[in-house]
Amino acid sequence: MKIAWCLSCCALGLLLSAFPLPSLRAADEGDDLVPLVVNLLTEKDKDLRALGFEQVRTQAKGKKATEQFAALLPKLGPDAQVGLLSALADRADPAARSGVVELLAATKSDAVRVAAIAALGPLGEPGDIPQLAKILAGNVKPEQAAAKASLVKMPGEAVSPGIVAELKKGQGALRITLIDILVTRRAKEAIPALLSAAVESDSAVRAAAMAALAQLADAEQIGAMTAGVLKAEPGTERVAAERAIALVSSRIEDPAKRAEPLLTAMKKLSATDYQTLLPTLGRVGGPAALKSVEAALASTDVNLAYTGLLALCNWPGASISDRLIQIATTDEQPAYRNLALKALIRVAPLPDGRTDADRLALTLKVMGMCKSEAEKKLVVERVRAIRSVEALRFVVPYLDQPAFAPKACETIVELAHHRTLREPNKAEFHKALDRVIAISKDPVVVDRANRYKNDETWVRPKVEAP
C-alpha cells in the first residue's frame, strides 16, 4: 500500500508539474485538487512534501487556497512547518499572515520561530512591527537576524513610519539597528527622526543617525545636520559627522555650489560654532569655502587661524596643493608646516580629475619634501591610489630598504589587485610580486602576491560594523 501510495503521489506530482495552470486554475473556489496538494504537505516523505511546497509557492493560486495551506500549519511537525512557512513567504499572499502569527505565538521550536519571523517579511503588516522590534531587542541572534530581514522586506507605505515610531521609543542597540533598517529601506520619511537622533545624549545613536543622514539626506537638510556636528564629541565622532555633511554636499551637481547650503547655515551661528564648523567646510571644498577658510587663516585670532588651517588640510582634492606647499615650506610654526605636509601626502595621489602623471608628479614632489621616515612611509602607502605602472616603478626600489619594504609590499599587491593594470604590464608585475613573495613576512600579502601571479582573484574580507 505504501509503495502504491508513493507512486500515485509521484504521478500526481508529475501531473501537477506538467499541467499546473489548468489543473489548479479553480483553486480559489475550492477545487478538489487543492486538498490533494494538502495531502502532499502532510506526507512523511520529505521529497513529496517538497513537491507540495513547490505547488504552494507557484501554482495553487488564490486567497482561499492560501487560507487552506496556512490552516495546516499547526497540524504539521516542525520540519514541515518550516518548509511550509518558507513556501507561504515566497507565495507572498497576505491571507497567510494570521496563520503565521498564531504559529509564532504557539510554537516552542526555535527553527519554527525563526521561519515564522522570516515569513512576516513578505506577509506582515505595520501592526507586526512592534513584535518584530521586541524580537530585535532580545538576545536570540537567529531571531534578531530574521526580524531585521523582515522589517527590511515588509511591503507598504506605512511600514517605514511604523519603524520610525519604534525608533522614537526604543533604547540603545535597538535604535541603532532600526536606523540601519531605515537606511536599507531608503526611508526618506525617517529624516526628521534621524535629525533629532543626531543630537541626542547617546553617542552611538548620534553616530548612527549621522551615518544614516549621509545616505538619505539631501542638500535641504545640510543646515539641520550641522547640529549633529556641533553635538558630536571632538575626535572620531566629529570627523565622521563632518564627513556625513561632506558626502551629502558632494551630491550637489555643481561643485562650485556645494558649499552654499553649509555656508548659509554657518552665517546664522555664533562665532564659536562657526569656528567649530570650519573643518567641515574644508571637507566640502569649493571656491566659496576657500574664501572663508582663507579669511580664517589670515585672522589675528590664533585659534581661528589654526582652525582655518585644519579646514584647508581637510580639502577634498589637490586644488589647494600650492597653498599647502607654501605653508609646509615657509610657515614660521613647525606645527603648521607638519600639518600642511601631512595634508599634501593625503591629497597628492587623490583621484580628483587630474591625470595619473600629474598625481604621481605631485606625489614625487611631496616625497622630496618629507624629512622623517614616518612621512616617507605614508607616501609609499598612499601612492597605491595611482593605478599606473609608473606608480609601481616608483615603489619597487623601496623593497630594498628594510624600513620601507613592508609598506612597499602592501602597495605592490594593492596595485596588482587591479587586473586592467596588471595584465598589460604582466612582466613587471610578476617580477615585483616575486620580490614580495621572497621578502614579505605578512601571510596575507604573500597569498595575494601568489594569487595575482597565477591570475587568480582575491576577495577583500568584509569589515563587520562595530
Protein backbone atom coordinates (compact mmCIF):
# COMPACT_ATOMS: atom_id res chain seq x y z
CA MET A 1 0.00 0.00 0.00
CA LYS A 2 2.79 2.42 0.90
CA ILE A 3 4.58 1.85 -2.41
CA ALA A 4 1.34 2.25 -4.32
CA TRP A 5 0.53 5.49 -2.44
CA CYS A 6 4.00 6.89 -3.10
CA LEU A 7 3.76 6.01 -6.76
CA SER A 8 0.35 7.65 -7.01
CA CYS A 9 1.67 10.76 -5.27
CA CYS A 10 4.64 10.89 -7.63
CA ALA A 11 2.26 10.54 -10.52
CA LEU A 12 0.22 13.41 -9.09
CA GLY A 13 3.37 15.45 -8.77
CA LEU A 14 4.26 14.83 -12.39
CA LEU A 15 0.74 15.77 -13.38
CA LEU A 16 0.84 18.98 -11.38
CA SER A 17 4.23 19.88 -12.80
CA ALA A 18 3.19 19.15 -16.36
CA PHE A 19 -0.21 20.86 -16.21
CA PRO A 20 -0.05 23.38 -13.37
CA LEU A 21 -2.32 26.11 -14.62
CA PRO A 22 -5.25 24.08 -15.98
CA SER A 23 -5.35 21.71 -13.01
CA LEU A 24 -5.31 24.43 -10.38
CA ARG A 25 -6.96 27.39 -12.08
CA ALA A 26 -10.10 26.92 -9.97
CA ALA A 27 -8.25 26.51 -6.67
CA ASP A 28 -9.58 29.81 -5.40
CA GLU A 29 -13.06 28.35 -5.42
CA GLY A 30 -12.17 25.14 -3.56
CA ASP A 31 -11.03 22.96 -6.45
CA ASP A 32 -10.76 19.31 -5.48
CA LEU A 33 -7.05 19.24 -6.32
CA VAL A 34 -6.13 21.66 -3.51
CA PRO A 35 -6.84 19.01 -0.85
CA LEU A 36 -4.55 16.68 -2.80
CA VAL A 37 -1.77 19.25 -2.52
CA VAL A 38 -2.56 19.41 1.19
CA ASN A 39 -2.07 15.65 1.29
CA LEU A 40 1.38 16.11 -0.17
CA LEU A 41 2.18 18.63 2.57
CA THR A 42 1.29 16.12 5.27
CA GLU A 43 3.41 13.34 3.78
CA LYS A 44 6.24 11.96 5.90
CA ASP A 45 8.42 11.63 2.83
CA LYS A 46 10.27 14.93 2.57
CA ASP A 47 10.63 14.68 -1.20
CA LEU A 48 6.87 14.50 -1.56
CA ARG A 49 6.48 17.40 0.88
CA ALA A 50 8.96 19.38 -1.22
CA LEU A 51 6.72 18.81 -4.22
CA GLY A 52 3.78 20.14 -2.24
CA PHE A 53 5.79 23.18 -1.08
CA GLU A 54 6.61 23.98 -4.70
CA GLN A 55 2.93 23.85 -5.62
CA VAL A 56 2.17 26.23 -2.74
CA ARG A 57 4.84 28.60 -3.99
CA THR A 58 3.95 28.78 -7.63
CA GLN A 59 0.72 27.12 -8.71
CA ALA A 60 -2.21 26.90 -6.31
CA LYS A 61 -3.39 30.45 -6.73
CA GLY A 62 -5.98 32.35 -4.76
CA LYS A 63 -6.81 33.55 -1.28
CA LYS A 64 -8.93 30.54 -0.39
CA ALA A 65 -6.12 28.14 -1.23
CA THR A 66 -3.70 30.25 0.81
CA GLU A 67 -6.00 30.08 3.82
CA GLN A 68 -6.26 26.29 3.48
CA PHE A 69 -2.49 25.93 3.38
CA ALA A 70 -1.97 28.29 6.34
CA ALA A 71 -4.62 26.43 8.36
CA LEU A 72 -2.47 23.33 8.00
CA LEU A 73 0.48 24.89 9.87
CA PRO A 74 -0.45 23.82 13.44
CA LYS A 75 -1.08 20.24 12.26
CA LEU A 76 2.41 19.65 10.89
CA GLY A 77 5.66 18.65 12.53
CA PRO A 78 8.41 21.27 12.98
CA ASP A 79 10.34 20.37 9.81
CA ALA A 80 7.20 20.52 7.70
CA GLN A 81 6.16 23.77 9.38
CA VAL A 82 9.48 25.36 8.46
CA GLY A 83 9.07 24.23 4.85
CA LEU A 84 5.50 25.46 4.58
CA LEU A 85 6.35 28.80 6.20
CA SER A 86 9.05 29.30 3.59
CA ALA A 87 6.66 28.37 0.80
CA LEU A 88 3.97 30.73 2.12
CA ALA A 89 6.53 33.52 2.39
CA ASP A 90 7.50 33.00 -1.26
CA ARG A 91 3.81 32.89 -2.18
CA ALA A 92 3.53 36.38 -0.64
CA ASP A 93 -0.23 36.25 -0.12
CA PRO A 94 -1.19 38.28 3.00
CA ALA A 95 -4.02 35.82 3.58
CA ALA A 96 -1.45 33.57 5.26
CA ARG A 97 -0.42 36.18 7.80
CA SER A 98 -2.83 35.29 10.60
CA GLY A 99 -1.77 31.65 10.49
CA VAL A 100 1.89 32.66 10.68
CA VAL A 101 1.28 35.00 13.63
CA GLU A 102 -0.67 32.34 15.51
CA LEU A 103 2.04 29.75 14.95
CA LEU A 104 4.72 32.19 16.10
CA ALA A 105 2.84 32.71 19.35
CA ALA A 106 2.26 28.99 19.95
CA THR A 107 5.39 27.18 18.80
CA LYS A 108 8.21 26.13 21.10
CA SER A 109 10.54 25.19 18.23
CA ASP A 110 13.43 27.60 17.68
CA ALA A 111 13.62 26.77 13.99
CA VAL A 112 9.89 27.31 13.50
CA ARG A 113 10.06 30.64 15.33
CA VAL A 114 12.84 31.84 13.05
CA ALA A 115 10.94 30.70 9.94
CA ALA A 116 7.73 32.39 11.14
CA ILE A 117 9.56 35.62 11.88
CA ALA A 118 11.16 35.50 8.42
CA ALA A 119 7.76 34.88 6.80
CA LEU A 120 6.46 38.14 8.27
CA GLY A 121 8.72 39.98 5.84
CA PRO A 122 6.57 39.41 2.77
CA LEU A 123 3.38 38.57 4.69
CA GLY A 124 3.38 41.03 7.60
CA GLU A 125 1.71 44.39 8.08
CA PRO A 126 2.53 47.51 10.12
CA GLY A 127 0.79 46.01 13.16
CA ASP A 128 3.54 43.38 13.31
CA ILE A 129 6.33 45.96 13.65
CA PRO A 130 6.19 46.27 17.48
CA GLN A 131 6.55 42.50 17.87
CA LEU A 132 9.46 42.38 15.44
CA ALA A 133 11.09 45.29 17.25
CA LYS A 134 10.71 43.40 20.52
CA ILE A 135 12.46 40.42 18.95
CA LEU A 136 15.23 42.72 17.72
CA ALA A 137 15.68 43.96 21.27
CA GLY A 138 16.12 40.39 22.51
CA ASN A 139 19.28 38.32 22.57
CA VAL A 140 18.46 35.38 20.27
CA LYS A 141 20.66 36.11 17.27
CA PRO A 142 18.91 33.95 14.64
CA GLU A 143 15.58 35.53 15.59
CA GLN A 144 17.11 39.00 15.54
CA ALA A 145 18.54 38.40 12.06
CA ALA A 146 15.17 37.15 10.79
CA ALA A 147 13.32 40.09 12.33
CA LYS A 148 15.73 42.57 10.78
CA ALA A 149 15.36 40.96 7.36
CA SER A 150 11.58 41.02 7.69
CA LEU A 151 11.49 44.69 8.56
CA VAL A 152 13.66 45.42 5.55
CA LYS A 153 11.41 43.42 3.20
CA MET A 154 7.97 44.22 4.59
CA PRO A 155 5.94 46.00 1.88
CA GLY A 156 3.68 49.01 2.28
CA GLU A 157 3.94 52.78 2.63
CA ALA A 158 3.02 52.62 6.33
CA VAL A 159 5.91 50.31 7.27
CA SER A 160 8.74 52.85 7.44
CA PRO A 161 6.67 55.27 9.57
CA GLY A 162 5.94 52.32 11.86
CA ILE A 163 9.67 51.62 12.19
CA VAL A 164 10.25 55.30 12.92
CA ALA A 165 7.69 55.09 15.74
CA GLU A 166 9.66 52.21 17.27
CA LEU A 167 12.88 54.18 16.83
CA LYS A 168 11.48 57.07 18.84
CA LYS A 169 10.58 54.88 21.81
CA GLY A 170 13.38 52.33 21.59
CA GLN A 171 16.56 52.14 23.60
CA GLY A 172 20.26 51.64 22.91
CA ALA A 173 21.30 48.99 20.40
CA LEU A 174 17.74 48.51 19.16
CA ARG A 175 17.65 52.09 17.91
CA ILE A 176 20.90 51.63 16.00
CA THR A 177 19.52 48.51 14.33
CA LEU A 178 16.28 50.29 13.42
CA ILE A 179 18.27 53.15 11.92
CA ASP A 180 20.21 50.65 9.81
CA ILE A 181 16.92 49.11 8.63
CA LEU A 182 15.56 52.53 7.64
CA VAL A 183 18.69 53.21 5.60
CA THR A 184 18.37 49.88 3.81
CA ARG A 185 14.73 50.71 3.05
CA ARG A 186 15.86 54.13 1.74
CA ALA A 187 13.20 55.62 4.01
CA LYS A 188 13.48 59.36 3.45
CA GLU A 189 10.44 59.86 5.65
CA ALA A 190 12.74 58.97 8.54
CA ILE A 191 14.93 62.06 8.01
CA PRO A 192 13.21 64.26 10.67
CA ALA A 193 13.58 61.49 13.28
CA LEU A 194 17.22 60.98 12.28
CA LEU A 195 17.95 64.70 12.64
CA SER A 196 16.54 64.50 16.18
CA ALA A 197 18.56 61.38 16.97
CA ALA A 198 21.73 63.08 15.73
CA VAL A 199 21.70 65.45 18.73
CA GLU A 200 20.72 63.01 21.48
CA SER A 201 22.83 62.13 24.52
CA ASP A 202 23.74 58.61 23.33
CA SER A 203 26.87 58.98 21.21
CA ALA A 204 26.36 55.64 19.43
CA VAL A 205 22.85 56.65 18.37
CA ARG A 206 24.13 60.06 17.27
CA ALA A 207 26.81 58.44 15.13
CA ALA A 208 24.34 56.01 13.57
CA ALA A 209 21.91 58.82 12.81
CA MET A 210 24.55 60.95 11.11
CA ALA A 211 25.75 57.98 9.08
CA ALA A 212 22.16 57.36 8.01
CA LEU A 213 21.67 61.00 7.07
CA ALA A 214 24.80 60.77 4.93
CA GLN A 215 22.92 58.18 2.89
CA LEU A 216 19.40 59.61 2.92
CA ALA A 217 19.62 63.39 3.28
CA ASP A 218 19.61 66.00 0.52
CA ALA A 219 21.07 69.47 0.33
CA GLU A 220 17.96 70.83 2.06
CA GLN A 221 18.94 69.01 5.27
CA ILE A 222 22.58 70.16 5.40
CA GLY A 223 21.75 73.14 7.60
CA ALA A 224 19.97 70.94 10.14
CA MET A 225 22.79 68.39 10.04
CA THR A 226 25.23 70.98 11.36
CA ALA A 227 23.65 70.47 14.77
CA GLY A 228 24.92 66.90 14.64
CA VAL A 229 28.47 68.09 14.05
CA LEU A 230 28.25 70.57 16.91
CA LYS A 231 26.85 67.89 19.24
CA ALA A 232 29.46 65.29 18.30
CA GLU A 233 32.41 64.74 20.60
CA PRO A 234 35.72 66.04 19.18
CA GLY A 235 37.70 63.23 17.60
CA THR A 236 36.36 60.21 15.76
CA GLU A 237 32.69 61.06 16.19
CA ARG A 238 33.04 64.60 14.97
CA VAL A 239 35.17 63.61 12.00
CA ALA A 240 32.50 61.08 10.96
CA ALA A 241 29.79 63.73 11.35
CA GLU A 242 31.80 66.17 9.23
CA ARG A 243 32.23 63.54 6.54
CA ALA A 244 28.49 62.90 6.55
CA ILE A 245 27.83 66.52 5.61
CA ALA A 246 30.59 66.42 3.02
CA LEU A 247 29.03 63.32 1.43
CA VAL A 248 25.60 64.96 1.21
CA SER A 249 27.18 68.11 -0.21
CA SER A 250 29.04 66.09 -2.85
CA ARG A 251 25.70 65.13 -4.38
CA ILE A 252 25.12 68.75 -5.43
CA GLU A 253 25.81 68.62 -9.16
CA ASP A 254 27.73 71.89 -9.50
CA PRO A 255 30.99 71.65 -7.49
CA ALA A 256 31.14 75.43 -7.19
CA LYS A 257 27.81 75.43 -5.32
CA ARG A 258 28.39 72.53 -2.95
CA ALA A 259 29.40 74.74 -0.04
CA GLU A 260 26.42 77.09 -0.32
CA PRO A 261 23.97 75.24 1.99
CA LEU A 262 26.64 74.86 4.67
CA LEU A 263 27.82 78.48 4.40
CA THR A 264 24.23 79.69 4.63
CA ALA A 265 23.76 77.71 7.83
CA MET A 266 27.10 78.84 9.30
CA LYS A 267 26.25 82.53 8.86
CA LYS A 268 23.43 82.09 11.40
CA LEU A 269 25.71 80.60 14.07
CA SER A 270 27.66 82.13 16.91
CA ALA A 271 31.35 82.84 16.32
CA THR A 272 32.27 79.79 18.39
CA ASP A 273 30.01 77.43 16.45
CA TYR A 274 31.11 78.97 13.15
CA GLN A 275 34.68 78.17 14.01
CA THR A 276 33.76 74.62 15.03
CA LEU A 277 32.24 74.04 11.58
CA LEU A 278 35.19 75.39 9.59
CA PRO A 279 36.85 71.92 9.31
CA THR A 280 33.54 70.62 7.91
CA LEU A 281 33.54 73.43 5.37
CA GLY A 282 37.05 72.37 4.35
CA ARG A 283 35.83 68.84 3.66
CA VAL A 284 33.18 70.22 1.30
CA GLY A 285 35.63 72.46 -0.58
CA GLY A 286 34.97 74.78 -3.48
CA PRO A 287 35.78 78.44 -4.21
CA ALA A 288 33.24 79.92 -1.78
CA ALA A 289 34.52 77.69 1.00
CA LEU A 290 38.13 78.61 0.22
CA LYS A 291 37.32 82.31 0.59
CA SER A 292 36.00 81.73 4.13
CA VAL A 293 38.89 79.43 5.04
CA GLU A 294 41.50 81.92 3.82
CA ALA A 295 39.80 84.64 5.87
CA ALA A 296 40.15 82.45 8.95
CA LEU A 297 43.81 81.71 8.16
CA ALA A 298 44.51 85.43 7.94
CA SER A 299 42.87 86.16 11.29
CA THR A 300 44.88 87.57 14.17
CA ASP A 301 42.91 85.21 16.41
CA VAL A 302 45.35 82.31 16.79
CA ASN A 303 42.63 79.73 17.44
CA LEU A 304 40.61 80.82 14.42
CA ALA A 305 43.69 80.79 12.20
CA TYR A 306 44.58 77.29 13.36
CA THR A 307 41.04 76.07 12.68
CA GLY A 308 41.30 77.61 9.21
CA LEU A 309 44.43 75.56 8.62
CA LEU A 310 42.62 72.41 9.74
CA ALA A 311 39.89 73.23 7.22
CA LEU A 312 42.45 73.65 4.44
CA CYS A 313 44.05 70.34 5.37
CA ASN A 314 40.64 68.64 5.04
CA TRP A 315 40.23 69.71 1.40
CA PRO A 316 38.67 67.03 -0.82
CA GLY A 317 41.21 67.40 -3.64
CA ALA A 318 44.61 68.74 -4.61
CA SER A 319 43.39 72.08 -5.95
CA ILE A 320 44.88 73.75 -2.84
CA SER A 321 48.22 71.93 -3.11
CA ASP A 322 50.16 75.12 -3.96
CA ARG A 323 48.82 76.79 -0.83
CA LEU A 324 49.70 73.77 1.27
CA ILE A 325 53.22 73.70 -0.22
CA GLN A 326 53.62 77.35 0.70
CA ILE A 327 52.63 76.67 4.30
CA ALA A 328 54.68 73.46 4.51
CA THR A 329 57.85 75.21 3.33
CA THR A 330 57.61 78.75 4.69
CA ASP A 331 55.39 78.95 7.75
CA GLU A 332 57.16 80.02 10.93
CA GLN A 333 55.37 77.46 13.07
CA PRO A 334 56.61 73.83 12.83
CA ALA A 335 53.17 72.52 13.77
CA TYR A 336 51.62 74.33 10.80
CA ARG A 337 54.33 73.03 8.46
CA ASN A 338 53.78 69.46 9.65
CA LEU A 339 50.01 69.64 9.24
CA ALA A 340 50.33 71.04 5.73
CA LEU A 341 52.81 68.33 4.73
CA LYS A 342 50.56 65.54 6.01
CA ALA A 343 47.68 67.07 4.06
CA LEU A 344 49.85 67.11 0.93
CA ILE A 345 50.69 63.44 1.39
CA ARG A 346 46.95 62.74 1.51
CA VAL A 347 45.79 64.86 -1.44
CA ALA A 348 48.70 64.37 -3.86
CA PRO A 349 47.54 60.96 -5.20
CA LEU A 350 43.78 61.56 -4.86
CA PRO A 351 41.73 60.68 -7.98
CA ASP A 352 40.22 64.15 -8.36
CA GLY A 353 40.20 64.65 -12.11
CA ARG A 354 43.95 65.05 -12.64
CA THR A 355 45.88 62.66 -14.84
CA ASP A 356 47.83 59.79 -13.30
CA ALA A 357 51.01 61.52 -14.43
CA ASP A 358 50.08 64.76 -12.67
CA ARG A 359 49.14 62.91 -9.49
CA LEU A 360 52.40 60.98 -9.46
CA ALA A 361 54.43 64.12 -10.19
CA LEU A 362 52.93 65.87 -7.16
CA THR A 363 53.45 62.76 -5.05
CA LEU A 364 57.15 62.68 -6.02
CA LYS A 365 57.45 66.35 -5.17
CA VAL A 366 55.89 65.75 -1.78
CA MET A 367 58.22 62.81 -1.15
CA GLY A 368 61.10 65.20 -1.74
CA MET A 369 59.70 67.47 0.98
CA CYS A 370 59.49 64.66 3.53
CA LYS A 371 62.19 64.52 6.16
CA SER A 372 61.10 61.81 8.56
CA GLU A 373 60.88 58.09 7.88
CA ALA A 374 57.25 58.08 9.03
CA GLU A 375 56.30 60.72 6.46
CA LYS A 376 58.03 58.82 3.66
CA LYS A 377 56.26 55.60 4.64
CA LEU A 378 52.96 57.40 4.30
CA VAL A 379 53.88 58.42 0.76
CA VAL A 380 54.81 54.82 -0.13
CA GLU A 381 51.43 53.74 1.22
CA ARG A 382 49.39 56.49 -0.42
CA VAL A 383 50.85 56.06 -3.92
CA ARG A 384 48.76 52.89 -4.32
CA ALA A 385 45.86 55.22 -5.14
CA ILE A 386 47.55 55.93 -8.50
CA ARG A 387 46.78 52.97 -10.72
CA SER A 388 49.64 53.23 -13.18
CA VAL A 389 52.74 51.20 -13.98
CA GLU A 390 54.76 54.31 -13.17
CA ALA A 391 53.46 54.14 -9.61
CA LEU A 392 54.71 50.53 -9.47
CA ARG A 393 58.12 51.63 -10.71
CA PHE A 394 58.23 54.31 -8.04
CA VAL A 395 57.55 51.81 -5.25
CA VAL A 396 59.74 48.86 -6.30
CA PRO A 397 63.09 50.40 -5.18
CA TYR A 398 61.73 50.69 -1.64
CA LEU A 399 61.69 46.88 -1.44
CA ASP A 400 65.46 47.15 -0.96
CA GLN A 401 65.10 49.32 2.14
CA PRO A 402 64.09 47.25 5.19
CA ALA A 403 62.30 50.15 6.88
CA PHE A 404 60.07 50.69 3.84
CA ALA A 405 59.78 47.15 2.46
CA PRO A 406 56.59 46.15 4.36
CA LYS A 407 54.66 49.19 3.09
CA ALA A 408 56.11 48.74 -0.40
CA CYS A 409 54.94 45.10 -0.43
CA GLU A 410 51.42 46.14 0.56
CA THR A 411 51.31 48.84 -2.11
CA ILE A 412 52.55 46.50 -4.84
CA VAL A 413 49.89 43.85 -4.15
CA GLU A 414 47.25 46.56 -3.96
CA LEU A 415 48.28 47.83 -7.39
CA ALA A 416 48.40 44.24 -8.69
CA HIS A 417 44.83 43.74 -7.46
CA HIS A 418 43.61 45.68 -10.49
CA ARG A 419 43.64 43.28 -13.42
CA THR A 420 43.33 46.05 -16.02
CA LEU A 421 46.61 47.47 -14.74
CA ARG A 422 48.34 44.15 -14.06
CA GLU A 423 47.64 42.34 -17.33
CA PRO A 424 49.18 44.84 -19.78
CA ASN A 425 52.28 45.04 -17.56
CA LYS A 426 52.49 41.38 -16.58
CA ALA A 427 56.28 41.05 -16.80
CA GLU A 428 56.95 43.99 -14.48
CA PHE A 429 54.28 42.96 -12.04
CA HIS A 430 55.45 39.33 -11.91
CA LYS A 431 58.98 40.45 -11.18
CA ALA A 432 57.78 42.75 -8.40
CA LEU A 433 55.45 40.09 -6.99
CA ASP A 434 58.31 37.57 -6.88
CA ARG A 435 60.20 40.06 -4.72
CA VAL A 436 57.19 40.49 -2.47
CA ILE A 437 56.83 36.73 -2.04
CA ALA A 438 60.51 36.47 -1.14
CA ILE A 439 60.69 39.22 1.47
CA SER A 440 57.24 39.81 2.96
CA LYS A 441 56.52 38.42 6.42
CA ASP A 442 52.77 39.05 6.08
CA PRO A 443 50.98 35.82 5.03
CA VAL A 444 48.04 37.76 3.56
CA VAL A 445 50.36 39.85 1.39
CA VAL A 446 52.23 36.73 0.23
CA ASP A 447 48.95 34.94 -0.54
CA ARG A 448 47.73 37.89 -2.59
CA ALA A 449 51.02 38.07 -4.50
CA ASN A 450 50.82 34.37 -5.36
CA ARG A 451 47.20 34.66 -6.45
CA TYR A 452 47.87 37.62 -8.71
CA LYS A 453 50.85 35.84 -10.26
CA ASN A 454 48.55 32.92 -11.06
CA ASP A 455 45.88 35.27 -12.40
CA GLU A 456 43.55 34.33 -9.55
CA THR A 457 41.15 36.59 -7.71
CA TRP A 458 41.38 37.70 -4.09
CA VAL A 459 38.30 38.81 -2.20
CA ARG A 460 38.79 41.58 0.31
CA PRO A 461 37.43 40.49 3.73
CA LYS A 462 34.26 42.21 4.85
CA VAL A 463 34.69 44.53 7.81
CA GLU A 464 31.97 43.92 10.36
CA ALA A 465 30.22 47.01 11.72
CA PRO A 466 31.07 47.67 15.40
